Amino acid sequence: MRNLKRMLLGVFILLLVLVILAFVLENQQSISLMFLGWAGPQLPVSLIMVIALLVGMLIGPVLGWFLGRSSSASRKLSG
């Protein structure tokens, strides 16, 4: 049973890597993002998407930690 779970996890990770690889290979067009008059460098769409994903994965937990910490501090003050 343990080996079956490991094998299924390995197959899932392999499929995930193949999907990511297909996404990267299919989205090689270069684009330049503009924000408030500032134009970024020409980068492939896939790279911009991966960067946005990584930034979101960093900001989400930090924001959750910060909000959780501020709400627990307010509970200590009122209680």
PDB file of N, CA and C in Angstrom:
ATOM      1  N   MET A   1       0.823  -1.197   0.000  1.00  0.00           N
ATOM      2  CA  MET A   1       0.000   0.000   0.000  1.00  0.00           C
ATOM      3  C   MET A   1       0.866   1.259   0.000  1.00  0.00           C
ATOM      4  N   ARG A   2       1.935   1.219   0.790  1.00  0.00           N
ATOM      5  CA  ARG A   2       2.831   2.371   0.868  1.00  0.00           C
ATOM      6  C   ARG A   2       3.520   2.612  -0.476  1.00  0.00           C
ATOM      7  N   ASN A   3       3.928   1.511  -1.137  1.00  0.00           N
ATOM      8  CA  ASN A   3       4.573   1.642  -2.441  1.00  0.00           C
ATOM      9  C   ASN A   3       3.604   2.169  -3.494  1.00  0.00           C
ATOM     10  N   LEU A   4       2.343   1.792  -3.392  1.00  0.00           N
ATOM     11  CA  LEU A   4       1.330   2.279  -4.329  1.00  0.00           C
ATOM     12  C   LEU A   4       1.161   3.793  -4.191  1.00  0.00           C
ATOM     13  N   LYS A   5       1.130   4.284  -2.943  1.00  0.00           N
ATOM     14  CA  LYS A   5       1.010   5.719  -2.722  1.00  0.00           C
ATOM     15  C   LYS A   5       2.219   6.456  -3.286  1.00  0.00           C
ATOM     16  N   ARG A   6       3.407   5.907  -3.080  1.00  0.00           N
ATOM     17  CA  ARG A   6       4.620   6.528  -3.614  1.00  0.00           C
ATOM     18  C   ARG A   6       4.604   6.531  -5.137  1.00  0.00           C
ATOM     19  N   MET A   7       4.145   5.440  -5.728  1.00  0.00           N
ATOM     20  CA  MET A   7       4.092   5.358  -7.175  1.00  0.00           C
ATOM     21  C   MET A   7       3.073   6.352  -7.736  1.00  0.00           C
ATOM     22  N   LEU A   8       1.907   6.465  -7.116  1.00  0.00           N
ATOM     23  CA  LEU A   8       0.897   7.419  -7.555  1.00  0.00           C
ATOM     24  C   LEU A   8       1.395   8.855  -7.395  1.00  0.00           C
ATOM     25  N   LEU A   9       2.095   9.145  -6.305  1.00  0.00           N
ATOM     26  CA  LEU A   9       2.661  10.472  -6.116  1.00  0.00           C
ATOM     27  C   LEU A   9       3.708  10.762  -7.190  1.00  0.00           C
ATOM     28  N   GLY A  10       4.529   9.786  -7.513  1.00  0.00           N
ATOM     29  CA  GLY A  10       5.528   9.956  -8.567  1.00  0.00           C
ATOM     30  C   GLY A  10       4.883  10.205  -9.923  1.00  0.00           C
ATOM     31  N   VAL A  11       3.820   9.481 -10.243  1.00  0.00           N
ATOM     32  CA  VAL A  11       3.107   9.673 -11.510  1.00  0.00           C
ATOM     33  C   VAL A  11       2.463  11.063 -11.542  1.00  0.00           C
ATOM     34  N   PHE A  12       1.884  11.487 -10.430  1.00  0.00           N
ATOM     35  CA  PHE A  12       1.265  12.804 -10.354  1.00  0.00           C
ATOM     36  C   PHE A  12       2.304  13.910 -10.564  1.00  0.00           C
ATOM     37  N   ILE A  13       3.452  13.784  -9.914  1.00  0.00           N
ATOM     38  CA  ILE A  13       4.512  14.788 -10.069  1.00  0.00           C
ATOM     39  C   ILE A  13       5.029  14.796 -11.495  1.00  0.00           C
ATOM     40  N   LEU A  14       5.187  13.633 -12.098  1.00  0.00           N
ATOM     41  CA  LEU A  14       5.643  13.556 -13.479  1.00  0.00           C
ATOM     42  C   LEU A  14       4.646  14.222 -14.427  1.00  0.00           C
ATOM     43  N   LEU A  15       3.362  13.962 -14.238  1.00  0.00           N
ATOM     44  CA  LEU A  15       2.335  14.607 -15.066  1.00  0.00           C
ATOM     45  C   LEU A  15       2.321  16.122 -14.867  1.00  0.00           C
ATOM     46  N   LEU A  16       2.503  16.567 -13.633  1.00  0.00           N
ATOM     47  CA  LEU A  16       2.544  17.989 -13.355  1.00  0.00           C
ATOM     48  C   LEU A  16       3.732  18.653 -14.046  1.00  0.00           C
ATOM     49  N   VAL A  17       4.881  18.011 -14.014  1.00  0.00           N
ATOM     50  CA  VAL A  17       6.069  18.535 -14.688  1.00  0.00           C
ATOM     51  C   VAL A  17       5.842  18.582 -16.196  1.00  0.00           C
ATOM     52  N   LEU A  18       5.212  17.557 -16.762  1.00  0.00           N
ATOM     53  CA  LEU A  18       4.940  17.550 -18.196  1.00  0.00           C
ATOM     54  C   LEU A  18       3.959  18.652 -18.599  1.00  0.00           C
ATOM     55  N   VAL A  19       2.959  18.907 -17.781  1.00  0.00           N
ATOM     56  CA  VAL A  19       2.002  19.974 -18.067  1.00  0.00           C
ATOM     57  C   VAL A  19       2.700  21.333 -18.009  1.00  0.00           C
ATOM     58  N   ILE A  20       3.537  21.542 -17.009  1.00  0.00           N
ATOM     59  CA  ILE A  20       4.278  22.799 -16.894  1.00  0.00           C
ATOM     60  C   ILE A  20       5.222  22.969 -18.079  1.00  0.00           C
ATOM     61  N   LEU A  21       5.897  21.905 -18.466  1.00  0.00           N
ATOM     62  CA  LEU A  21       6.802  21.959 -19.616  1.00  0.00           C
ATOM     63  C   LEU A  21       6.043  22.293 -20.896  1.00  0.00           C
ATOM     64  N   ALA A  22       4.881  21.681 -21.091  1.00  0.00           N
ATOM     65  CA  ALA A  22       4.066  21.975 -22.274  1.00  0.00           C
ATOM     66  C   ALA A  22       3.615  23.434 -22.256  1.00  0.00           C
ATOM     67  N   PHE A  23       3.235  23.955 -21.083  1.00  0.00           N
ATOM     68  CA  PHE A  23       2.823  25.352 -20.972  1.00  0.00           C
ATOM     69  C   PHE A  23       3.970  26.284 -21.349  1.00  0.00           C
ATOM     70  N   VAL A  24       5.151  26.001 -20.836  1.00  0.00           N
ATOM     71  CA  VAL A  24       6.312  26.850 -21.120  1.00  0.00           C
ATOM     72  C   VAL A  24       6.665  26.805 -22.602  1.00  0.00           C
ATOM     73  N   LEU A  25       6.632  25.620 -23.201  1.00  0.00           N
ATOM     74  CA  LEU A  25       6.996  25.502 -24.610  1.00  0.00           C
ATOM     75  C   LEU A  25       5.966  26.132 -25.538  1.00  0.00           C
ATOM     76  N   GLU A  26       4.703  26.152 -25.125  1.00  0.00           N
ATOM     77  CA  GLU A  26       3.652  26.719 -25.969  1.00  0.00           C
ATOM     78  C   GLU A  26       3.520  28.236 -25.833  1.00  0.00           C
ATOM     79  N   ASN A  27       4.137  28.828 -24.828  1.00  0.00           N
ATOM     80  CA  ASN A  27       3.973  30.259 -24.570  1.00  0.00           C
ATOM     81  C   ASN A  27       5.313  30.977 -24.588  1.00  0.00           C
ATOM     82  N   GLN A  28       5.972  30.931 -25.719  1.00  0.00           N
ATOM     83  CA  GLN A  28       7.284  31.558 -25.862  1.00  0.00           C
ATOM     84  C   GLN A  28       7.226  32.945 -26.483  1.00  0.00           C
ATOM     85  N   GLN A  29       6.023  33.467 -26.822  1.00  0.00           N
ATOM     86  CA  GLN A  29       5.913  34.790 -27.394  1.00  0.00           C
ATOM     87  C   GLN A  29       6.387  35.822 -26.366  1.00  0.00           C
ATOM     88  N   SER A  30       7.145  36.798 -26.814  1.00  0.00           N
ATOM     89  CA  SER A  30       7.619  37.843 -25.905  1.00  0.00           C
ATOM     90  C   SER A  30       6.595  38.965 -25.835  1.00  0.00           C
ATOM     91  N   ILE A  31       6.372  39.440 -24.617  1.00  0.00           N
ATOM     92  CA  ILE A  31       5.475  40.576 -24.409  1.00  0.00           C
ATOM     93  C   ILE A  31       6.154  41.544 -23.450  1.00  0.00           C
ATOM     94  N   SER A  32       5.668  42.757 -23.445  1.00  0.00           N
ATOM     95  CA  SER A  32       6.148  43.775 -22.518  1.00  0.00           C
ATOM     96  C   SER A  32       4.946  44.298 -21.754  1.00  0.00           C
ATOM     97  N   LEU A  33       4.980  44.201 -20.448  1.00  0.00           N
ATOM     98  CA  LEU A  33       3.885  44.701 -19.627  1.00  0.00           C
ATOM     99  C   LEU A  33       4.083  46.181 -19.348  1.00  0.00           C
ATOM    100  N   MET A  34       2.980  46.931 -19.329  1.00  0.00           N
ATOM    101  CA  MET A  34       3.026  48.355 -18.998  1.00  0.00           C
ATOM    102  C   MET A  34       2.178  48.602 -17.760  1.00  0.00           C
ATOM    103  N   PHE A  35       2.710  49.414 -16.847  1.00  0.00           N
ATOM    104  CA  PHE A  35       1.993  49.771 -15.628  1.00  0.00           C
ATOM    105  C   PHE A  35       2.361  51.200 -15.252  1.00  0.00           C
ATOM    106  N   LEU A  36       1.370  52.082 -15.237  1.00  0.00           N
ATOM    107  CA  LEU A  36       1.551  53.497 -14.895  1.00  0.00           C
ATOM    108  C   LEU A  36       2.653  54.153 -15.716  1.00  0.00           C
ATOM    109  N   GLY A  37       2.695  53.842 -16.994  1.00  0.00           N
ATOM    110  CA  GLY A  37       3.674  54.442 -17.882  1.00  0.00           C
ATOM    111  C   GLY A  37       5.022  53.751 -17.910  1.00  0.00           C
ATOM    112  N   TRP A  38       5.226  52.808 -17.019  1.00  0.00           N
ATOM    113  CA  TRP A  38       6.489  52.086 -16.973  1.00  0.00           C
ATOM    114  C   TRP A  38       6.349  50.825 -17.800  1.00  0.00           C
ATOM    115  N   ALA A  39       7.258  50.625 -18.750  1.00  0.00           N
ATOM    116  CA  ALA A  39       7.230  49.434 -19.602  1.00  0.00           C
ATOM    117  C   ALA A  39       8.313  48.471 -19.140  1.00  0.00           C
ATOM    118  N   GLY A  40       7.921  47.257 -18.903  1.00  0.00           N
ATOM    119  CA  GLY A  40       8.877  46.241 -18.491  1.00  0.00           C
ATOM    120  C   GLY A  40       9.638  45.702 -19.687  1.00  0.00           C
ATOM    121  N   PRO A  41      10.626  44.872 -19.417  1.00  0.00           N
ATOM    122  CA  PRO A  41      11.398  44.278 -20.515  1.00  0.00           C
ATOM    123  C   PRO A  41      10.572  43.242 -21.278  1.00  0.00           C
ATOM    124  N   GLN A  42      11.001  42.937 -22.488  1.00  0.00           N
ATOM    125  CA  GLN A  42      10.340  41.901 -23.291  1.00  0.00           C
ATOM    126  C   GLN A  42      10.686  40.537 -22.684  1.00  0.00           C
ATOM    127  N   LEU A  43       9.675  39.852 -22.187  1.00  0.00           N
ATOM    128  CA  LEU A  43       9.858  38.527 -21.590  1.00  0.00           C
ATOM    129  C   LEU A  43       8.819  37.571 -22.167  1.00  0.00           C
ATOM    130  N   PRO A  44       9.134  36.275 -22.195  1.00  0.00           N
ATOM    131  CA  PRO A  44       8.130  35.296 -22.642  1.00  0.00           C
ATOM    132  C   PRO A  44       6.930  35.265 -21.687  1.00  0.00           C
ATOM    133  N   VAL A  45       5.762  34.992 -22.243  1.00  0.00           N
ATOM    134  CA  VAL A  45       4.533  34.931 -21.451  1.00  0.00           C
ATOM    135  C   VAL A  45       4.679  33.907 -20.318  1.00  0.00           C
ATOM    136  N   SER A  46       5.272  32.767 -20.610  1.00  0.00           N
ATOM    137  CA  SER A  46       5.399  31.718 -19.598  1.00  0.00           C
ATOM    138  C   SER A  46       6.250  32.187 -18.422  1.00  0.00           C
ATOM    139  N   LEU A  47       7.295  32.949 -18.682  1.00  0.00           N
ATOM    140  CA  LEU A  47       8.149  33.440 -17.601  1.00  0.00           C
ATOM    141  C   LEU A  47       7.392  34.440 -16.726  1.00  0.00           C
ATOM    142  N   ILE A  48       6.617  35.309 -17.349  1.00  0.00           N
ATOM    143  CA  ILE A  48       5.824  36.272 -16.582  1.00  0.00           C
ATOM    144  C   ILE A  48       4.800  35.539 -15.714  1.00  0.00           C
ATOM    145  N   MET A  49       4.178  34.503 -16.254  1.00  0.00           N
ATOM    146  CA  MET A  49       3.195  33.736 -15.483  1.00  0.00           C
ATOM    147  C   MET A  49       3.852  33.029 -14.299  1.00  0.00           C
ATOM    148  N   VAL A  50       5.019  32.448 -14.508  1.00  0.00           N
ATOM    149  CA  VAL A  50       5.721  31.747 -13.426  1.00  0.00           C
ATOM    150  C   VAL A  50       6.155  32.742 -12.352  1.00  0.00           C
ATOM    151  N   ILE A  51       6.646  33.911 -12.765  1.00  0.00           N
ATOM    152  CA  ILE A  51       7.032  34.937 -11.790  1.00  0.00           C
ATOM    153  C   ILE A  51       5.822  35.392 -10.989  1.00  0.00           C
ATOM    154  N   ALA A  52       4.686  35.609 -11.654  1.00  0.00           N
ATOM    155  CA  ALA A  52       3.462  36.018 -10.954  1.00  0.00           C
ATOM    156  C   ALA A  52       3.019  34.940  -9.963  1.00  0.00           C
ATOM    157  N   LEU A  53       3.138  33.683 -10.343  1.00  0.00           N
ATOM    158  CA  LEU A  53       2.785  32.573  -9.449  1.00  0.00           C
ATOM    159  C   LEU A  53       3.685  32.565  -8.218  1.00  0.00           C
ATOM    160  N   LEU A  54       4.979  32.702  -8.420  1.00  0.00           N
ATOM    161  CA  LEU A  54       5.918  32.677  -7.294  1.00  0.00           C
ATOM    162  C   LEU A  54       5.718  33.870  -6.363  1.00  0.00           C
ATOM    163  N   VAL A  55       5.475  35.051  -6.929  1.00  0.00           N
ATOM    164  CA  VAL A  55       5.226  36.231  -6.099  1.00  0.00           C
ATOM    165  C   VAL A  55       3.948  36.030  -5.278  1.00  0.00           C
ATOM    166  N   GLY A  56       2.916  35.484  -5.901  1.00  0.00           N
ATOM    167  CA  GLY A  56       1.682  35.206  -5.179  1.00  0.00           C
ATOM    168  C   GLY A  56       1.862  34.172  -4.087  1.00  0.00           C
ATOM    169  N   MET A  57       2.703  33.175  -4.353  1.00  0.00           N
ATOM    170  CA  MET A  57       2.965  32.156  -3.339  1.00  0.00           C
ATOM    171  C   MET A  57       3.753  32.725  -2.159  1.00  0.00           C
ATOM    172  N   LEU A  58       4.491  33.790  -2.370  1.00  0.00           N
ATOM    173  CA  LEU A  58       5.215  34.437  -1.274  1.00  0.00           C
ATOM    174  C   LEU A  58       4.331  35.439  -0.538  1.00  0.00           C
ATOM    175  N   ILE A  59       3.566  36.233  -1.280  1.00  0.00           N
ATOM    176  CA  ILE A  59       2.737  37.274  -0.661  1.00  0.00           C
ATOM    177  C   ILE A  59       1.585  36.668   0.133  1.00  0.00           C
ATOM    178  N   GLY A  60       0.965  35.625  -0.364  1.00  0.00           N
ATOM    179  CA  GLY A  60      -0.191  35.026   0.300  1.00  0.00           C
ATOM    180  C   GLY A  60       0.088  34.603   1.734  1.00  0.00           C
ATOM    181  N   PRO A  61       1.083  33.755   1.976  1.00  0.00           N
ATOM    182  CA  PRO A  61       1.358  33.349   3.361  1.00  0.00           C
ATOM    183  C   PRO A  61       1.815  34.505   4.252  1.00  0.00           C
ATOM    184  N   VAL A  62       2.604  35.441   3.707  1.00  0.00           N
ATOM    185  CA  VAL A  62       3.051  36.587   4.507  1.00  0.00           C
ATOM    186  C   VAL A  62       1.859  37.442   4.912  1.00  0.00           C
ATOM    187  N   LEU A  63       0.948  37.701   3.971  1.00  0.00           N
ATOM    188  CA  LEU A  63      -0.245  38.480   4.278  1.00  0.00           C
ATOM    189  C   LEU A  63      -1.128  37.745   5.279  1.00  0.00           C
ATOM    190  N   GLY A  64      -1.295  36.442   5.124  1.00  0.00           N
ATOM    191  CA  GLY A  64      -2.075  35.657   6.071  1.00  0.00           C
ATOM    192  C   GLY A  64      -1.469  35.680   7.461  1.00  0.00           C
ATOM    193  N   TRP A  65      -0.155  35.575   7.545  1.00  0.00           N
ATOM    194  CA  TRP A  65       0.522  35.630   8.836  1.00  0.00           C
ATOM    195  C   TRP A  65       0.334  36.996   9.474  1.00  0.00           C
ATOM    196  N   PHE A  66       0.507  38.048   8.666  1.00  0.00           N
ATOM    197  CA  PHE A  66       0.373  39.406   9.186  1.00  0.00           C
ATOM    198  C   PHE A  66      -1.047  39.672   9.680  1.00  0.00           C
ATOM    199  N   LEU A  67      -2.059  39.291   8.909  1.00  0.00           N
ATOM    200  CA  LEU A  67      -3.443  39.515   9.310  1.00  0.00           C
ATOM    201  C   LEU A  67      -3.812  38.665  10.528  1.00  0.00           C
ATOM    202  N   GLY A  68      -3.327  37.445  10.578  1.00  0.00           N
ATOM    203  CA  GLY A  68      -3.590  36.593  11.734  1.00  0.00           C
ATOM    204  C   GLY A  68      -2.944  37.139  12.986  1.00  0.00           C
ATOM    205  N   ARG A  69      -1.769  37.697  12.826  1.00  0.00           N
ATOM    206  CA  ARG A  69      -1.053  38.268  13.965  1.00  0.00           C
ATOM    207  C   ARG A  69      -1.751  39.524  14.478  1.00  0.00           C
ATOM    208  N   SER A  70      -2.238  40.364  13.569  1.00  0.00           N
ATOM    209  CA  SER A  70      -2.914  41.590  14.003  1.00  0.00           C
ATOM    210  C   SER A  70      -4.262  41.280  14.650  1.00  0.00           C
ATOM    211  N   SER A  71      -4.962  40.264  14.178  1.00  0.00           N
ATOM    212  CA  SER A  71      -6.249  39.925  14.794  1.00  0.00           C
ATOM    213  C   SER A  71      -6.054  39.288  16.165  1.00  0.00           C
ATOM    214  N   SER A  72      -4.979  38.517  16.341  1.00  0.00           N
ATOM    215  CA  SER A  72      -4.732  37.931  17.661  1.00  0.00           C
ATOM    216  C   SER A  72      -4.283  39.010  18.647  1.00  0.00           C
ATOM    217  N   ALA A  73      -3.569  40.028  18.154  1.00  0.00           N
ATOM    218  CA  ALA A  73      -3.163  41.131  19.024  1.00  0.00           C
ATOM    219  C   ALA A  73      -4.377  41.935  19.473  1.00  0.00           C
ATOM    220  N   SER A  74      -5.345  42.136  18.576  1.00  0.00           N
ATOM    221  CA  SER A  74      -6.539  42.887  18.952  1.00  0.00           C
ATOM    222  C   SER A  74      -7.401  42.085  19.924  1.00  0.00           C
ATOM    223  N   ARG A  75      -7.392  40.761  19.809  1.00  0.00           N
ATOM    224  CA  ARG A  75      -8.122  39.941  20.766  1.00  0.00           C
ATOM    225  C   ARG A  75      -7.490  40.013  22.156  1.00  0.00           C
ATOM    226  N   LYS A  76      -6.168  40.085  22.220  1.00  0.00           N
ATOM    227  CA  LYS A  76      -5.477  40.196  23.511  1.00  0.00           C
ATOM    228  C   LYS A  76      -5.780  41.530  24.176  1.00  0.00           C
ATOM    229  N   LEU A  77      -5.877  42.595  23.388  1.00  0.00           N
ATOM    230  CA  LEU A  77      -6.159  43.915  23.945  1.00  0.00           C
ATOM    231  C   LEU A  77      -7.587  44.021  24.476  1.00  0.00           C
ATOM    232  N   SER A  78      -8.542  43.405  23.757  1.00  0.00           N
ATOM    233  CA  SER A  78      -9.939  43.532  24.167  1.00  0.00           C
ATOM    234  C   SER A  78     -10.305  42.517  25.259  1.00  0.00           C
ATOM    235  N   GLY A  79      -9.522  41.490  25.410  1.00  0.00           N
ATOM    236  CA  GLY A  79      -9.883  40.435  26.340  1.00  0.00           C
ATOM    237  C   GLY A  79      -9.192  40.519  27.597  1.00  0.00           C
TER     238      GLY A  79
END
